[in-house]
N, C-alpha and C. Protein backbone atom coordinates (compact mmCIF):
# COMPACT_ATOMS: atom_id res chain seq x y z
N MET A 1 3.15 5.72 -10.42
CA MET A 1 2.64 7.07 -10.81
C MET A 1 2.97 7.90 -9.52
N ALA A 2 3.50 9.22 -9.75
CA ALA A 2 3.88 10.10 -8.53
C ALA A 2 2.58 10.42 -7.70
N ASP A 3 2.83 10.79 -6.62
CA ASP A 3 1.67 11.10 -5.62
C ASP A 3 1.25 12.60 -6.26
N ALA A 4 -0.02 12.95 -6.02
CA ALA A 4 -0.80 14.11 -6.71
C ALA A 4 -0.04 15.32 -5.85
N GLN A 5 0.28 16.32 -6.54
CA GLN A 5 0.95 17.63 -6.01
C GLN A 5 -0.45 18.36 -5.85
N THR A 6 -0.11 19.59 -5.44
CA THR A 6 -1.22 20.70 -5.36
C THR A 6 -0.74 21.93 -5.85
N PRO A 7 -0.67 22.07 -7.26
CA PRO A 7 -0.34 23.45 -7.81
C PRO A 7 -1.51 24.38 -7.76
N SER A 8 -1.24 25.67 -7.90
CA SER A 8 -2.32 26.40 -7.65
C SER A 8 -3.33 26.37 -8.89
N ALA A 9 -4.53 26.75 -8.65
CA ALA A 9 -5.65 26.50 -9.54
C ALA A 9 -5.37 27.34 -11.02
N GLY A 10 -5.51 26.57 -11.84
CA GLY A 10 -4.98 27.35 -13.18
C GLY A 10 -3.74 26.95 -13.69
N ALA A 11 -3.08 25.95 -12.76
CA ALA A 11 -1.73 25.57 -13.15
C ALA A 11 -1.53 24.99 -14.50
N SER A 12 -0.43 24.80 -15.20
CA SER A 12 0.05 24.08 -16.26
C SER A 12 0.41 22.79 -16.09
N ALA A 13 0.30 21.74 -16.93
CA ALA A 13 0.94 20.49 -16.74
C ALA A 13 1.65 20.21 -18.23
N LEU A 14 2.74 19.58 -18.31
CA LEU A 14 3.41 19.08 -19.50
C LEU A 14 2.89 17.61 -19.80
N LEU A 15 2.20 17.63 -20.92
CA LEU A 15 1.81 16.24 -21.50
C LEU A 15 3.08 15.96 -22.33
N ILE A 16 3.51 14.46 -22.42
CA ILE A 16 4.54 13.96 -23.18
C ILE A 16 3.84 12.70 -23.92
N ILE A 17 3.27 12.84 -25.11
CA ILE A 17 2.34 11.92 -25.92
C ILE A 17 3.02 11.01 -26.70
N ASP A 18 3.13 9.59 -26.20
CA ASP A 18 3.70 8.66 -27.17
C ASP A 18 5.18 8.54 -27.30
N MET A 19 6.01 9.24 -26.63
CA MET A 19 7.37 9.29 -26.86
C MET A 19 8.12 8.06 -26.25
N ILE A 20 7.54 7.34 -25.46
CA ILE A 20 7.97 6.01 -25.18
C ILE A 20 7.40 5.09 -26.21
N ASN A 21 8.42 4.84 -27.14
CA ASN A 21 7.75 4.35 -28.38
C ASN A 21 8.89 3.35 -28.98
N ASP A 22 8.59 2.35 -29.60
CA ASP A 22 9.59 1.43 -30.19
C ASP A 22 9.44 1.89 -32.05
N LEU A 23 8.48 2.53 -32.38
CA LEU A 23 8.63 3.01 -33.51
C LEU A 23 8.32 1.99 -34.59
N ALA A 24 7.87 0.80 -34.19
CA ALA A 24 7.79 -0.41 -35.09
C ALA A 24 6.48 -0.40 -35.82
N PHE A 25 6.27 0.47 -36.64
CA PHE A 25 5.02 0.34 -37.44
C PHE A 25 5.25 1.25 -38.66
N ASP A 26 4.45 0.91 -39.67
CA ASP A 26 4.74 1.56 -40.92
C ASP A 26 4.69 2.86 -40.71
N GLY A 27 5.99 3.43 -41.47
CA GLY A 27 6.25 4.94 -41.41
C GLY A 27 6.99 5.03 -40.18
N GLY A 28 7.44 4.04 -39.17
CA GLY A 28 8.17 4.42 -38.02
C GLY A 28 9.70 4.96 -38.40
N GLU A 29 10.21 4.23 -39.39
CA GLU A 29 11.55 4.59 -39.62
C GLU A 29 11.55 6.13 -40.26
N GLN A 30 10.53 6.43 -41.16
CA GLN A 30 10.51 7.86 -41.68
C GLN A 30 10.09 8.85 -40.69
N LEU A 31 9.56 8.42 -39.41
CA LEU A 31 9.21 9.23 -38.51
C LEU A 31 10.40 9.35 -37.46
N ALA A 32 11.41 8.59 -37.37
CA ALA A 32 12.50 8.42 -36.40
C ALA A 32 13.22 9.80 -36.10
N PRO A 33 13.79 10.16 -37.16
CA PRO A 33 14.61 11.43 -37.35
C PRO A 33 13.72 12.74 -36.59
N ALA A 34 12.64 12.89 -37.13
CA ALA A 34 11.85 13.95 -36.58
C ALA A 34 11.46 13.80 -35.12
N ALA A 35 11.32 12.72 -34.81
CA ALA A 35 10.61 12.33 -33.48
C ALA A 35 11.86 12.43 -32.42
N ILE A 36 13.23 12.03 -32.92
CA ILE A 36 14.12 12.39 -32.04
C ILE A 36 14.64 13.84 -31.81
N ALA A 37 14.42 14.74 -32.93
CA ALA A 37 14.75 16.22 -32.83
C ALA A 37 13.68 16.69 -32.07
N ALA A 38 12.45 16.12 -31.99
CA ALA A 38 11.45 16.61 -31.12
C ALA A 38 11.63 16.19 -29.69
N ALA A 39 12.27 15.21 -29.58
CA ALA A 39 12.76 14.52 -28.21
C ALA A 39 13.66 15.48 -27.50
N GLU A 40 14.63 15.97 -28.28
CA GLU A 40 15.61 16.68 -27.72
C GLU A 40 14.94 18.10 -27.08
N ARG A 41 14.06 18.73 -28.05
CA ARG A 41 13.31 19.88 -27.45
C ARG A 41 12.58 19.69 -26.27
N ILE A 42 11.84 18.37 -26.25
CA ILE A 42 11.03 18.14 -25.18
C ILE A 42 11.83 17.85 -23.79
N ARG A 43 13.02 17.31 -23.89
CA ARG A 43 13.85 17.13 -22.90
C ARG A 43 14.16 18.48 -22.21
N ALA A 44 14.57 19.40 -23.07
CA ALA A 44 14.82 20.69 -22.48
C ALA A 44 13.48 21.30 -21.78
N LEU A 45 12.32 21.29 -22.29
CA LEU A 45 11.13 21.75 -21.86
C LEU A 45 10.70 20.91 -20.30
N ARG A 46 10.90 19.71 -20.58
CA ARG A 46 10.79 18.88 -19.24
C ARG A 46 11.87 19.27 -18.07
N ASP A 47 13.04 19.57 -18.55
CA ASP A 47 13.81 20.09 -17.29
C ASP A 47 13.51 21.49 -17.05
N ALA A 48 12.85 22.37 -17.85
CA ALA A 48 12.47 23.59 -17.39
C ALA A 48 11.08 23.55 -16.57
N ALA A 49 10.28 22.44 -16.83
CA ALA A 49 9.07 22.07 -16.17
C ALA A 49 9.39 21.68 -14.69
N GLU A 50 10.44 20.93 -14.56
CA GLU A 50 10.86 20.49 -13.23
C GLU A 50 11.38 21.56 -12.58
N ALA A 51 12.05 22.33 -12.84
CA ALA A 51 12.59 23.54 -12.22
C ALA A 51 11.34 24.54 -11.84
N ALA A 52 10.28 24.62 -12.50
CA ALA A 52 9.27 25.43 -12.28
C ALA A 52 8.21 24.69 -11.64
N GLY A 53 8.48 23.42 -11.12
CA GLY A 53 7.39 22.75 -10.32
C GLY A 53 6.11 22.38 -11.22
N VAL A 54 6.22 22.35 -12.59
CA VAL A 54 5.32 22.03 -13.34
C VAL A 54 5.19 20.40 -13.53
N PRO A 55 3.97 19.79 -13.38
CA PRO A 55 3.76 18.21 -13.32
C PRO A 55 4.19 17.91 -14.74
N VAL A 56 4.85 16.71 -14.70
CA VAL A 56 5.02 16.08 -16.01
C VAL A 56 4.28 14.74 -16.28
N ILE A 57 3.35 14.60 -17.26
CA ILE A 57 2.66 13.50 -17.31
C ILE A 57 2.70 13.01 -18.83
N TYR A 58 3.46 11.55 -18.75
CA TYR A 58 3.49 10.74 -19.84
C TYR A 58 2.13 10.18 -20.25
N VAL A 59 1.68 10.32 -21.51
CA VAL A 59 0.41 9.73 -21.86
C VAL A 59 0.91 8.87 -23.07
N ASN A 60 0.73 7.51 -23.00
CA ASN A 60 1.39 6.63 -23.70
C ASN A 60 0.62 5.26 -23.94
N ASP A 61 0.87 4.93 -25.32
CA ASP A 61 0.28 3.61 -25.76
C ASP A 61 0.88 2.43 -24.80
N ASN A 62 0.35 1.31 -24.77
CA ASN A 62 0.82 0.06 -23.82
C ASN A 62 1.55 -0.76 -24.45
N PHE A 63 1.67 -1.01 -25.76
CA PHE A 63 2.28 -2.04 -26.39
C PHE A 63 1.98 -3.52 -26.02
N GLY A 64 0.78 -3.32 -25.45
CA GLY A 64 0.36 -4.80 -25.01
C GLY A 64 0.58 -5.24 -23.63
N HIS A 65 1.15 -4.37 -22.82
CA HIS A 65 1.63 -4.38 -21.53
C HIS A 65 0.66 -3.80 -20.48
N TRP A 66 -0.75 -4.17 -20.67
CA TRP A 66 -1.67 -3.68 -19.88
C TRP A 66 -1.65 -4.02 -18.57
N LEU A 67 -1.19 -5.08 -18.07
CA LEU A 67 -0.93 -5.51 -16.57
C LEU A 67 0.29 -5.27 -15.95
N SER A 68 1.21 -4.59 -16.73
CA SER A 68 2.57 -4.60 -16.37
C SER A 68 2.87 -3.00 -15.62
N GLU A 69 3.79 -2.86 -14.91
CA GLU A 69 4.28 -1.51 -14.30
C GLU A 69 4.87 -0.91 -15.56
N ARG A 70 5.30 0.34 -15.33
CA ARG A 70 5.70 1.27 -16.50
C ARG A 70 7.17 0.93 -17.03
N GLY A 71 7.85 0.00 -16.23
CA GLY A 71 9.04 -0.47 -16.65
C GLY A 71 8.97 -1.35 -17.64
N ALA A 72 7.91 -2.18 -17.90
CA ALA A 72 7.72 -3.03 -18.96
C ALA A 72 7.64 -2.44 -20.19
N ILE A 73 6.88 -1.30 -20.28
CA ILE A 73 6.83 -0.45 -21.35
C ILE A 73 8.10 0.05 -21.86
N VAL A 74 8.80 0.68 -20.99
CA VAL A 74 10.12 1.38 -21.37
C VAL A 74 11.09 0.28 -21.64
N ASP A 75 11.07 -0.87 -21.15
CA ASP A 75 12.21 -1.85 -21.38
C ASP A 75 11.66 -2.50 -22.83
N HIS A 76 10.40 -2.60 -23.04
CA HIS A 76 10.17 -2.91 -24.40
C HIS A 76 10.50 -2.02 -25.68
N CYS A 77 10.63 -0.87 -25.30
CA CYS A 77 10.91 0.34 -26.19
C CYS A 77 12.52 0.54 -26.36
N ARG A 78 13.25 0.03 -25.34
CA ARG A 78 14.66 0.43 -25.50
C ARG A 78 15.76 -0.62 -25.74
N THR A 79 15.07 -1.73 -26.26
CA THR A 79 16.18 -2.74 -26.66
C THR A 79 16.88 -2.26 -27.89
N ASP A 80 18.11 -2.92 -28.13
CA ASP A 80 18.98 -2.61 -28.95
C ASP A 80 18.30 -2.63 -30.50
N ALA A 81 17.28 -3.44 -30.54
CA ALA A 81 16.83 -3.38 -31.82
C ALA A 81 15.55 -2.43 -32.21
N SER A 82 15.26 -1.67 -31.01
CA SER A 82 14.15 -0.71 -31.22
C SER A 82 14.75 0.26 -31.90
N ARG A 83 13.90 1.06 -33.14
CA ARG A 83 14.04 2.27 -33.49
C ARG A 83 13.96 3.24 -32.45
N GLY A 84 13.06 3.08 -31.63
CA GLY A 84 12.83 4.17 -30.42
C GLY A 84 13.81 4.30 -29.47
N LYS A 85 14.81 3.39 -29.41
CA LYS A 85 15.72 3.45 -28.38
C LYS A 85 16.15 4.78 -27.99
N PRO A 86 16.60 5.72 -28.96
CA PRO A 86 17.28 6.96 -28.69
C PRO A 86 16.21 7.86 -27.98
N LEU A 87 14.84 7.59 -28.41
CA LEU A 87 13.65 8.40 -27.56
C LEU A 87 13.68 8.21 -26.09
N ILE A 88 13.85 6.88 -25.78
CA ILE A 88 13.93 6.56 -24.32
C ILE A 88 15.24 6.89 -23.74
N GLU A 89 16.50 7.07 -24.29
CA GLU A 89 17.49 7.57 -23.68
C GLU A 89 17.44 9.06 -23.37
N LEU A 90 16.64 9.78 -24.38
CA LEU A 90 16.47 11.12 -24.00
C LEU A 90 15.35 11.26 -22.79
N LEU A 91 14.20 10.54 -23.20
CA LEU A 91 13.08 10.94 -22.18
C LEU A 91 12.61 9.71 -21.29
N ARG A 92 13.25 8.86 -20.86
CA ARG A 92 12.80 7.97 -19.91
C ARG A 92 12.17 8.55 -18.80
N PRO A 93 10.84 8.16 -18.50
CA PRO A 93 9.98 8.77 -17.35
C PRO A 93 10.91 8.53 -16.10
N ARG A 94 10.77 9.58 -15.24
CA ARG A 94 11.52 9.54 -13.81
C ARG A 94 10.38 9.15 -12.73
N ASP A 95 10.96 8.86 -11.66
CA ASP A 95 9.96 8.37 -10.55
C ASP A 95 8.82 9.28 -10.18
N ASP A 96 9.24 10.62 -10.19
CA ASP A 96 8.22 11.68 -9.97
C ASP A 96 7.26 12.02 -11.23
N ASP A 97 7.42 11.52 -12.32
CA ASP A 97 6.60 11.75 -13.38
C ASP A 97 5.41 10.83 -13.45
N TYR A 98 4.02 11.44 -13.94
CA TYR A 98 3.15 10.46 -14.12
C TYR A 98 3.05 9.70 -15.45
N LEU A 99 2.42 8.60 -15.24
CA LEU A 99 2.36 7.87 -16.57
C LEU A 99 0.99 7.41 -16.65
N ILE A 100 0.21 7.83 -17.66
CA ILE A 100 -1.02 7.31 -18.28
C ILE A 100 -0.96 6.34 -19.37
N VAL A 101 -1.64 5.36 -19.18
CA VAL A 101 -1.71 4.47 -20.28
C VAL A 101 -3.03 4.40 -21.01
N LYS A 102 -3.00 4.91 -22.34
CA LYS A 102 -4.07 5.05 -23.35
C LYS A 102 -4.22 3.94 -24.16
N PRO A 103 -5.65 3.50 -24.28
CA PRO A 103 -6.07 2.58 -25.20
C PRO A 103 -6.28 3.04 -26.82
N GLN A 104 -6.35 4.35 -26.94
CA GLN A 104 -6.66 4.91 -28.30
C GLN A 104 -6.07 6.20 -28.49
N PHE A 105 -6.26 6.80 -29.48
CA PHE A 105 -5.58 7.98 -30.02
C PHE A 105 -5.40 9.04 -28.78
N SER A 106 -6.52 9.60 -28.24
CA SER A 106 -6.59 10.77 -27.25
C SER A 106 -6.10 10.32 -25.93
N GLY A 107 -5.41 11.00 -25.29
CA GLY A 107 -4.89 11.04 -23.92
C GLY A 107 -6.08 10.96 -22.95
N PHE A 108 -7.19 11.45 -23.41
CA PHE A 108 -8.57 11.47 -22.57
C PHE A 108 -9.44 10.42 -22.51
N TYR A 109 -9.27 9.73 -23.78
CA TYR A 109 -10.35 8.52 -23.79
C TYR A 109 -10.10 7.38 -22.99
N ALA A 110 -11.03 7.00 -22.32
CA ALA A 110 -10.87 5.84 -21.42
C ALA A 110 -9.58 5.88 -20.67
N THR A 111 -9.12 6.78 -20.01
CA THR A 111 -8.04 6.91 -19.10
C THR A 111 -8.33 7.80 -18.01
N ASN A 112 -7.57 7.94 -16.91
CA ASN A 112 -7.74 8.74 -15.65
C ASN A 112 -7.16 10.12 -15.88
N LEU A 113 -6.70 10.47 -17.01
CA LEU A 113 -6.25 11.90 -17.19
C LEU A 113 -7.46 12.83 -16.63
N PRO A 114 -8.70 12.76 -17.12
CA PRO A 114 -9.81 13.75 -16.73
C PRO A 114 -9.79 13.76 -15.18
N VAL A 115 -9.47 12.80 -14.60
CA VAL A 115 -9.50 12.53 -13.16
C VAL A 115 -8.25 13.45 -12.55
N LEU A 116 -7.18 13.13 -12.99
CA LEU A 116 -5.88 13.61 -12.47
C LEU A 116 -5.62 14.97 -12.68
N LEU A 117 -5.99 15.68 -13.67
CA LEU A 117 -5.74 17.05 -13.95
C LEU A 117 -6.42 17.95 -13.02
N PRO A 118 -7.62 17.84 -12.87
CA PRO A 118 -8.50 18.60 -11.69
C PRO A 118 -7.72 18.37 -10.19
N GLN A 119 -7.32 17.12 -10.13
CA GLN A 119 -6.77 17.20 -8.82
C GLN A 119 -5.42 17.84 -8.61
N LEU A 120 -4.63 18.03 -9.66
CA LEU A 120 -3.42 18.85 -9.83
C LEU A 120 -3.75 20.36 -10.00
N GLY A 121 -5.01 20.75 -10.09
CA GLY A 121 -5.48 22.20 -10.28
C GLY A 121 -5.04 22.62 -11.57
N VAL A 122 -4.98 21.59 -12.61
CA VAL A 122 -4.32 22.15 -13.93
C VAL A 122 -5.60 22.66 -14.80
N ARG A 123 -5.38 23.93 -15.42
CA ARG A 123 -6.25 24.14 -16.54
C ARG A 123 -5.60 24.42 -17.81
N ARG A 124 -4.18 24.46 -17.85
CA ARG A 124 -3.46 24.61 -18.92
C ARG A 124 -2.72 23.70 -19.11
N LEU A 125 -2.52 23.19 -20.51
CA LEU A 125 -1.60 21.92 -20.94
C LEU A 125 -0.68 22.46 -22.06
N ILE A 126 0.43 21.81 -22.07
CA ILE A 126 1.38 21.94 -22.95
C ILE A 126 1.54 20.52 -23.49
N LEU A 127 1.14 20.28 -24.82
CA LEU A 127 1.09 18.97 -25.29
C LEU A 127 2.33 18.96 -26.33
N THR A 128 3.06 17.77 -26.20
CA THR A 128 4.02 17.55 -26.95
C THR A 128 4.23 16.06 -27.46
N GLY A 129 4.81 15.80 -28.57
CA GLY A 129 4.96 14.26 -28.72
C GLY A 129 4.66 13.76 -30.11
N ILE A 130 4.24 12.66 -30.40
CA ILE A 130 3.92 12.11 -31.71
C ILE A 130 2.73 11.38 -31.85
N ALA A 131 1.98 11.29 -32.88
CA ALA A 131 2.31 11.99 -33.91
C ALA A 131 1.25 13.33 -33.89
N ALA A 132 1.89 14.41 -34.32
CA ALA A 132 1.28 15.64 -34.45
C ALA A 132 -0.30 15.67 -34.99
N ASP A 133 -0.35 15.01 -36.05
CA ASP A 133 -1.64 14.64 -36.76
C ASP A 133 -2.49 13.63 -36.36
N ILE A 134 -2.05 12.88 -35.38
CA ILE A 134 -2.86 11.72 -34.79
C ILE A 134 -3.15 11.83 -33.37
N CYS A 135 -2.27 11.29 -32.67
CA CYS A 135 -2.71 11.26 -31.03
C CYS A 135 -2.50 12.78 -30.38
N VAL A 136 -1.36 13.41 -30.88
CA VAL A 136 -1.58 14.88 -30.28
C VAL A 136 -2.79 15.73 -30.66
N LEU A 137 -2.99 15.50 -31.96
CA LEU A 137 -4.25 16.20 -32.49
C LEU A 137 -5.54 15.91 -31.84
N PHE A 138 -5.70 14.57 -31.47
CA PHE A 138 -6.78 13.99 -30.74
C PHE A 138 -6.99 14.51 -29.34
N THR A 139 -5.80 14.53 -28.66
CA THR A 139 -5.75 14.93 -27.38
C THR A 139 -5.87 16.44 -27.24
N ALA A 140 -5.48 17.16 -28.30
CA ALA A 140 -5.63 18.47 -28.14
C ALA A 140 -7.22 18.75 -28.36
N ALA A 141 -8.00 18.02 -29.28
CA ALA A 141 -9.41 18.17 -29.44
C ALA A 141 -10.09 18.28 -28.38
N ASP A 142 -9.77 16.82 -27.49
CA ASP A 142 -10.51 16.60 -26.40
C ASP A 142 -10.21 17.73 -25.28
N ALA A 143 -8.86 18.28 -25.35
CA ALA A 143 -8.73 19.26 -24.04
C ALA A 143 -9.27 20.47 -24.48
N HIS A 144 -9.64 20.85 -25.82
CA HIS A 144 -10.17 22.08 -26.19
C HIS A 144 -11.68 21.92 -25.58
N MET A 145 -12.42 20.78 -25.88
CA MET A 145 -13.83 20.63 -25.62
C MET A 145 -13.98 20.78 -24.10
N ARG A 146 -12.82 20.45 -23.28
CA ARG A 146 -12.83 20.59 -21.83
C ARG A 146 -12.38 21.87 -21.37
N ASP A 147 -12.13 22.87 -22.14
CA ASP A 147 -11.84 24.37 -21.91
C ASP A 147 -10.40 24.35 -21.30
N TYR A 148 -9.58 23.68 -21.69
CA TYR A 148 -7.96 23.82 -21.20
C TYR A 148 -7.39 24.85 -22.22
N ASP A 149 -6.50 25.67 -21.62
CA ASP A 149 -5.78 26.29 -22.56
C ASP A 149 -4.57 25.43 -23.18
N LEU A 150 -4.18 25.73 -24.16
CA LEU A 150 -3.16 24.93 -24.91
C LEU A 150 -2.08 25.60 -25.40
N TRP A 151 -1.00 24.84 -25.21
CA TRP A 151 0.23 25.39 -26.05
C TRP A 151 0.76 24.07 -26.52
N VAL A 152 1.06 24.04 -27.97
CA VAL A 152 1.77 22.83 -28.65
C VAL A 152 2.90 23.26 -29.19
N PRO A 153 4.03 23.56 -28.68
CA PRO A 153 5.22 23.93 -29.19
C PRO A 153 5.57 23.22 -30.37
N GLU A 154 5.75 23.93 -31.56
CA GLU A 154 5.69 23.19 -32.93
C GLU A 154 6.95 22.37 -33.09
N ASP A 155 8.15 22.79 -32.29
CA ASP A 155 9.43 22.11 -32.21
C ASP A 155 9.41 20.68 -31.40
N THR A 156 8.44 20.64 -30.85
CA THR A 156 8.22 19.49 -29.67
C THR A 156 7.17 18.37 -30.27
N VAL A 157 6.79 18.41 -31.52
CA VAL A 157 5.99 17.55 -32.12
C VAL A 157 6.48 16.91 -33.30
N ALA A 158 6.05 15.70 -33.99
CA ALA A 158 6.48 15.29 -35.28
C ALA A 158 5.40 14.41 -35.80
N SER A 159 5.49 14.37 -36.92
CA SER A 159 4.70 13.56 -38.10
C SER A 159 5.59 12.83 -38.79
N GLU A 160 5.12 11.78 -39.47
CA GLU A 160 5.75 11.14 -40.63
C GLU A 160 5.96 12.02 -41.74
N GLN A 161 5.00 12.76 -42.14
CA GLN A 161 5.18 13.82 -43.21
C GLN A 161 5.35 15.42 -42.48
N PRO A 162 6.21 16.22 -42.81
CA PRO A 162 6.14 17.58 -42.55
C PRO A 162 4.87 18.31 -42.79
N GLU A 163 4.37 17.86 -44.01
CA GLU A 163 3.13 18.77 -44.30
C GLU A 163 2.06 18.53 -43.36
N HIS A 164 1.85 16.98 -43.03
CA HIS A 164 0.77 16.39 -42.01
C HIS A 164 1.01 17.20 -40.73
N GLN A 165 2.23 17.24 -40.14
CA GLN A 165 2.82 18.25 -38.97
C GLN A 165 1.96 19.70 -39.04
N GLN A 166 2.29 20.46 -40.05
CA GLN A 166 1.87 21.82 -40.34
C GLN A 166 0.59 21.89 -40.42
N TRP A 167 -0.09 20.89 -41.03
CA TRP A 167 -1.55 21.00 -41.28
C TRP A 167 -2.30 20.88 -39.80
N ALA A 168 -1.84 19.78 -39.11
CA ALA A 168 -2.32 19.61 -37.65
C ALA A 168 -2.17 20.83 -36.70
N LEU A 169 -0.79 21.70 -36.88
CA LEU A 169 -0.62 22.60 -36.21
C LEU A 169 -1.43 23.75 -36.39
N GLU A 170 -1.63 23.79 -37.61
CA GLU A 170 -2.69 24.98 -38.21
C GLU A 170 -4.21 24.68 -37.61
N LEU A 171 -4.46 23.41 -37.67
CA LEU A 171 -5.84 23.29 -37.22
C LEU A 171 -5.95 23.44 -35.73
N MET A 172 -4.87 22.99 -34.88
CA MET A 172 -4.95 23.39 -33.42
C MET A 172 -4.86 24.78 -33.14
N ARG A 173 -4.17 25.56 -34.00
CA ARG A 173 -4.09 27.07 -33.92
C ARG A 173 -5.36 27.66 -34.12
N HIS A 174 -6.06 27.37 -35.23
CA HIS A 174 -7.03 28.08 -35.59
C HIS A 174 -8.40 27.33 -35.08
N SER A 175 -8.62 26.08 -34.90
CA SER A 175 -9.83 25.48 -34.46
C SER A 175 -9.86 25.34 -32.85
N MET A 176 -8.71 25.29 -32.22
CA MET A 176 -8.61 24.81 -30.84
C MET A 176 -8.03 26.06 -29.90
N CYS A 177 -7.88 27.00 -30.63
CA CYS A 177 -7.22 28.59 -29.98
C CYS A 177 -5.64 27.94 -29.29
N ALA A 178 -5.06 26.98 -29.85
CA ALA A 178 -3.77 26.68 -29.35
C ALA A 178 -2.53 27.66 -29.55
N GLU A 179 -1.79 27.86 -28.66
CA GLU A 179 -0.55 28.64 -29.17
C GLU A 179 0.32 27.49 -29.70
N THR A 180 0.90 27.83 -30.84
CA THR A 180 1.90 26.73 -31.37
C THR A 180 3.27 27.29 -31.55
N ALA A 181 3.75 28.53 -30.73
CA ALA A 181 4.95 28.85 -30.90
C ALA A 181 5.96 27.97 -30.37
N ALA A 182 7.22 27.85 -31.15
CA ALA A 182 8.28 26.85 -30.72
C ALA A 182 8.76 27.07 -29.32
N SER A 183 9.32 26.17 -28.75
CA SER A 183 9.87 26.12 -27.30
C SER A 183 10.85 27.08 -27.23
N ASP A 184 11.61 27.43 -28.31
CA ASP A 184 12.98 28.39 -28.16
C ASP A 184 12.47 29.79 -28.68
N THR A 185 11.16 29.92 -28.98
CA THR A 185 10.57 31.39 -28.97
C THR A 185 9.71 31.86 -27.94
N LEU A 186 8.80 30.89 -27.59
CA LEU A 186 8.07 31.26 -26.41
C LEU A 186 8.47 30.34 -25.27
N SER A 187 9.11 30.83 -24.14
CA SER A 187 9.73 30.06 -23.01
C SER A 187 8.64 29.56 -22.02
N LEU A 188 8.96 28.57 -21.19
CA LEU A 188 8.11 28.00 -20.33
C LEU A 188 7.61 29.14 -19.33
N ALA A 189 8.69 29.95 -18.89
CA ALA A 189 8.58 31.15 -17.95
C ALA A 189 7.33 31.98 -18.50
N GLU A 190 7.59 32.34 -19.73
CA GLU A 190 6.52 33.16 -20.57
C GLU A 190 5.19 32.74 -20.53
N TRP A 191 5.04 31.36 -20.76
CA TRP A 191 3.87 30.72 -20.93
C TRP A 191 3.27 30.73 -19.49
N LEU A 192 3.84 30.53 -18.46
CA LEU A 192 3.40 30.50 -17.00
C LEU A 192 3.00 31.98 -16.60
N ASP A 193 3.68 32.88 -17.11
CA ASP A 193 3.57 34.37 -16.78
C ASP A 193 2.03 34.79 -17.30
N ARG A 194 1.54 34.24 -18.52
CA ARG A 194 0.49 34.43 -19.12
C ARG A 194 -0.83 34.14 -18.25
N ALA A 195 -0.63 32.92 -17.57
CA ALA A 195 -1.72 32.62 -16.55
C ALA A 195 -1.77 33.57 -15.55
N GLU A 196 -0.71 34.22 -14.96
CA GLU A 196 -0.76 35.15 -13.87
C GLU A 196 -1.19 36.47 -14.39
N GLN A 197 -1.19 36.76 -15.69
CA GLN A 197 -1.73 37.97 -16.22
C GLN A 197 -3.11 37.75 -16.47
N GLY A 198 -3.75 36.67 -16.38
CA GLY A 198 -5.05 36.13 -16.64
C GLY A 198 -5.53 36.25 -18.15
């Protein structure tokens, strides 16, 4: 994990949820095309975050590698036999990125994310990843209960069924006050400017 930085209070962080993934589950083959499309948009957003000094935090399942370093999770998901290999090629965590291993759906449940975010001065979260109607949704709900401002760009999340993705986005928009504009409609710079404007 990278050393904690010190952005200004109210700063944003980019969360990349479960994109280091082998997609080896029922429905994984169906999810793969949408996940890869989302990964391409997340990669562009991650590049913009790096340029803007926005912390990037991977929040990921562990695939049984509880006692291993991040490399074991990445290596597990990027074998030639893995459906998720294209995701790793696009979004492999870099040395300066944070990596949080989660045991359940929400990135906040039984992880050190609730400790890390205040240390970074973060009050606004950009949520991306899979699946929109499961892990992204549960993380958004926990973030909302903790009063984080949320942006869930609709082109950076994916679900097995498009209608499930749209249902989840609508729920996050209406019940969690999340912004859901696509990343090619609302830029990272515009999102950051909103914090400056109060």
